[in-house]
Amino acid sequence: MLLTPIEFTEKIKEKHSSTIIDVRTPKEYLKGHLQNAINIDWNGDDFEKQISLLDTSNSVFVYCLSGGRSSSAADKMRTMGFSKVYELNGGILKWRDAGFPETTNTVNKSIGMSRQQFDALLISDKLVLVDFYAPWCAPCKKMKPYLDELEKEREDKFILLRIDADENQSLFKELKLATLPTLLLYKDKKLVWSHIGYIGKEEVSKQLK
């Protein structure tokens, strides 16, 4: 759906679960972009891979310089299962003409940790215990104290890696996870044990021997 700059910004405000994507080059993006926009270059080698990490049920707002690249990107996303794709008609040029603000702040909304970054954290001669949690998750809060205790008690045996699922939704989805808390135990980069939901200290401790 093509939207004018006014319609575009109003629609963004309406949608609680949405992603704004700037499909220009990183160089263009750094010179100025919409607030909270993430940069996924339409002409980049990994465009489709990065897009596939997003939740197809969310609303997606796409723009480029004048509308050509974003139109192609939007069509591609629709073939990938995205049903709520909104395009900025005329691109950021029309956005500027309408007097809407831009930012050069790159520390905004992001996809979060990539699978490659996650895999790199698993490289260790020790066991790696990954705790997917969220600040609002009651069982997660209950488990945190004893996980911290185990980390201190057995620092020679394992590494504790805590990952906020809300801030790393793409990674959470790619690992095919759906419930919090989720514990994943890796040895030599291979998953050797997992548990979904609350679990006590003694049960976790048994897996770390």
Protein backbone atom coordinates (compact mmCIF):
# COMPACT_ATOMS: atom_id res chain seq x y z
CA MET A 1 0.00 0.00 0.00
CA LEU A 2 1.39 3.38 -1.04
CA LEU A 3 1.12 6.13 1.59
CA THR A 4 1.90 9.83 1.57
CA PRO A 5 4.37 11.05 4.22
CA ILE A 6 1.47 12.15 6.44
CA GLU A 7 -0.35 8.84 6.02
CA PHE A 8 2.92 6.96 6.54
CA THR A 9 3.69 8.59 9.91
CA GLU A 10 0.07 8.28 11.09
CA LYS A 11 -0.05 4.60 10.19
CA ILE A 12 3.21 3.97 12.09
CA LYS A 13 1.64 5.52 15.18
CA GLU A 14 -1.40 3.24 14.82
CA LYS A 15 0.59 0.01 14.67
CA HIS A 16 2.06 -1.29 17.93
CA SER A 17 4.04 -4.14 16.33
CA SER A 18 5.81 -2.66 13.35
CA THR A 19 9.21 -2.46 11.68
CA ILE A 20 10.50 0.47 9.63
CA ILE A 21 12.97 -0.54 6.94
CA ASP A 22 15.28 1.78 5.02
CA VAL A 23 16.29 -0.19 1.91
CA ARG A 24 18.91 2.30 0.72
CA THR A 25 22.66 1.74 0.96
CA PRO A 26 24.37 2.03 4.37
CA LYS A 27 26.08 5.22 3.16
CA GLU A 28 22.72 6.82 2.32
CA TYR A 29 21.24 5.62 5.60
CA LEU A 30 24.00 7.20 7.69
CA LYS A 31 23.39 10.61 6.13
CA GLY A 32 19.84 10.68 7.52
CA HIS A 33 16.94 8.28 8.03
CA LEU A 34 13.58 7.95 9.75
CA GLN A 35 13.58 7.52 13.51
CA ASN A 36 13.78 3.83 14.55
CA ALA A 37 14.38 2.66 10.98
CA ILE A 38 16.68 -0.30 10.41
CA ASN A 39 18.87 -0.48 7.32
CA ILE A 40 18.51 -3.52 5.05
CA ASP A 41 20.02 -2.69 1.67
CA TRP A 42 17.77 -3.87 -1.20
CA ASN A 43 20.84 -4.29 -3.38
CA GLY A 44 22.82 -6.04 -0.64
CA ASP A 45 23.82 -9.69 -0.91
CA ASP A 46 21.86 -10.74 2.19
CA PHE A 47 18.63 -8.75 1.79
CA GLU A 48 16.40 -11.82 1.61
CA LYS A 49 18.19 -13.52 4.50
CA GLN A 50 17.80 -10.49 6.79
CA ILE A 51 14.17 -10.02 5.83
CA SER A 52 13.45 -13.69 6.57
CA LEU A 53 14.44 -13.09 10.21
CA LEU A 54 11.55 -10.66 10.70
CA ASP A 55 8.09 -11.59 11.93
CA THR A 56 5.75 -11.80 8.94
CA SER A 57 2.76 -11.01 11.17
CA ASN A 58 4.07 -7.53 11.98
CA SER A 59 3.35 -4.41 9.96
CA VAL A 60 6.33 -3.33 7.85
CA PHE A 61 7.00 0.21 6.64
CA VAL A 62 9.42 0.44 3.73
CA TYR A 63 11.10 3.41 2.07
CA CYS A 64 14.09 4.37 -0.09
CA LEU A 65 15.19 7.59 -1.79
CA SER A 66 12.35 8.10 -4.25
CA GLY A 67 10.30 4.89 -4.21
CA GLY A 68 11.82 2.57 -6.80
CA ARG A 69 13.84 0.29 -4.56
CA SER A 70 11.21 0.22 -1.83
CA SER A 71 8.59 -0.85 -4.37
CA SER A 72 10.74 -3.79 -5.45
CA ALA A 73 11.56 -4.66 -1.84
CA ALA A 74 7.88 -4.50 -0.83
CA ASP A 75 6.89 -6.81 -3.70
CA LYS A 76 9.59 -9.26 -2.63
CA MET A 77 8.42 -9.18 0.99
CA ARG A 78 4.85 -9.91 -0.04
CA THR A 79 6.01 -13.05 -1.86
CA MET A 80 7.75 -14.05 1.38
CA GLY A 81 4.52 -13.94 3.38
CA PHE A 82 4.35 -10.35 4.64
CA SER A 83 0.75 -9.16 4.28
CA LYS A 84 0.96 -5.74 5.93
CA VAL A 85 3.57 -3.86 3.90
CA TYR A 86 3.31 -0.07 3.62
CA GLU A 87 5.43 1.96 1.20
CA LEU A 88 6.40 5.62 1.51
CA ASN A 89 5.25 7.09 -1.81
CA GLY A 90 8.06 9.21 -3.22
CA GLY A 91 10.55 7.95 -0.65
CA ILE A 92 12.54 10.06 1.75
CA LEU A 93 12.63 12.89 -0.80
CA LYS A 94 8.89 13.41 -0.34
CA TRP A 95 9.34 12.94 3.41
CA ARG A 96 11.81 15.83 3.42
CA ASP A 97 9.58 17.99 1.24
CA ALA A 98 6.79 17.50 3.77
CA GLY A 99 9.09 18.78 6.51
CA PHE A 100 9.19 15.59 8.56
CA PRO A 101 12.25 14.93 10.76
CA GLU A 102 15.21 12.65 10.13
CA THR A 103 17.94 11.36 12.41
CA THR A 104 21.54 10.24 11.98
CA ASN A 105 21.43 8.29 15.23
CA THR A 106 22.24 4.67 14.33
CA VAL A 107 21.63 3.33 17.84
CA ASN A 108 17.95 2.80 17.25
CA LYS A 109 15.74 -0.19 16.71
CA SER A 110 17.69 -3.14 15.36
CA ILE A 111 17.12 -6.75 14.53
CA GLY A 112 19.31 -7.68 17.48
CA MET A 113 21.97 -10.37 17.68
CA SER A 114 22.51 -12.27 14.45
CA ARG A 115 22.82 -16.05 14.26
CA GLN A 116 26.46 -15.61 13.29
CA GLN A 117 27.13 -13.54 16.42
CA PHE A 118 25.27 -16.08 18.55
CA ASP A 119 27.25 -19.00 17.12
CA ALA A 120 30.49 -17.13 17.82
CA LEU A 121 29.56 -16.94 21.52
CA LEU A 122 29.30 -20.73 21.64
CA ILE A 123 32.98 -21.21 20.82
CA SER A 124 34.48 -22.30 24.14
CA ASP A 125 36.25 -25.24 25.75
CA LYS A 126 33.64 -24.96 28.52
CA LEU A 127 29.93 -25.71 28.48
CA VAL A 128 27.82 -22.73 27.42
CA LEU A 129 24.44 -22.32 29.11
CA VAL A 130 22.16 -19.93 27.24
CA ASP A 131 19.28 -18.42 29.20
CA PHE A 132 16.62 -16.77 27.03
CA TYR A 133 14.62 -14.50 29.30
CA ALA A 134 12.59 -11.27 29.39
CA PRO A 135 12.40 -8.60 32.13
CA TRP A 136 8.65 -9.16 32.50
CA CYS A 137 8.90 -12.98 32.79
CA ALA A 138 8.19 -14.10 36.39
CA PRO A 139 9.83 -17.56 36.10
CA CYS A 140 12.87 -15.90 34.51
CA LYS A 141 13.22 -13.57 37.50
CA LYS A 142 12.89 -16.50 39.88
CA MET A 143 15.63 -18.45 38.11
CA LYS A 144 18.14 -15.62 37.73
CA PRO A 145 19.54 -15.65 41.31
CA TYR A 146 20.42 -19.34 41.28
CA LEU A 147 21.80 -19.14 37.72
CA ASP A 148 24.11 -16.37 38.89
CA GLU A 149 25.11 -18.54 41.88
CA LEU A 150 25.89 -21.49 39.64
CA GLU A 151 27.99 -19.28 37.39
CA LYS A 152 30.15 -18.26 40.36
CA GLU A 153 30.28 -21.75 41.85
CA ARG A 154 31.27 -23.45 38.60
CA GLU A 155 33.02 -20.79 36.59
CA ASP A 156 35.60 -23.41 35.62
CA LYS A 157 32.87 -25.63 34.14
CA PHE A 158 30.53 -23.40 32.16
CA ILE A 159 29.76 -19.94 30.80
CA LEU A 160 26.35 -18.37 31.38
CA LEU A 161 24.97 -16.41 28.45
CA ARG A 162 21.76 -14.50 29.19
CA ILE A 163 19.86 -13.16 26.17
CA ASP A 164 16.85 -10.84 26.33
CA ALA A 165 14.32 -12.41 23.96
CA ASP A 166 12.47 -9.11 23.45
CA GLU A 167 15.62 -7.40 22.22
CA ASN A 168 16.60 -10.36 20.04
CA GLN A 169 13.30 -11.46 18.55
CA SER A 170 14.80 -12.45 15.19
CA LEU A 171 17.34 -14.76 16.81
CA PHE A 172 14.64 -16.21 19.08
CA LYS A 173 12.53 -16.96 16.03
CA GLU A 174 15.41 -18.39 14.00
CA LEU A 175 16.21 -20.83 16.81
CA LYS A 176 12.54 -21.89 16.68
CA LEU A 177 11.92 -20.88 20.28
CA ALA A 178 8.50 -19.82 21.51
CA THR A 179 8.39 -19.93 25.33
CA LEU A 180 10.19 -18.20 28.18
CA PRO A 181 12.29 -19.03 29.98
CA THR A 182 14.24 -21.35 27.69
CA LEU A 183 17.59 -22.86 28.64
CA LEU A 184 19.95 -24.23 26.00
CA LEU A 185 23.15 -26.05 26.91
CA TYR A 186 25.94 -26.32 24.34
CA LYS A 187 29.11 -28.39 24.30
CA ASP A 188 31.61 -27.84 21.50
CA LYS A 189 28.97 -25.68 19.77
CA LYS A 190 26.45 -28.55 19.78
CA LEU A 191 23.15 -28.44 21.65
CA VAL A 192 23.26 -31.20 24.28
CA TRP A 193 20.30 -30.25 26.52
CA SER A 194 17.39 -27.85 26.60
CA HIS A 195 14.52 -26.98 28.92
CA ILE A 196 11.42 -24.83 28.49
CA GLY A 197 9.75 -23.15 31.45
CA TYR A 198 10.74 -22.96 35.08
CA ILE A 199 13.28 -25.44 36.43
CA GLY A 200 15.03 -25.61 39.80
CA LYS A 201 18.71 -25.14 40.61
CA GLU A 202 19.34 -28.82 41.39
CA GLU A 203 18.05 -30.01 38.02
CA VAL A 204 20.17 -27.47 36.12
CA SER A 205 23.20 -28.28 38.27
CA LYS A 206 22.99 -31.93 37.22
CA GLN A 207 23.42 -30.94 33.59
CA LEU A 208 26.57 -28.95 34.30
CA LYS A 209 28.67 -31.83 35.63
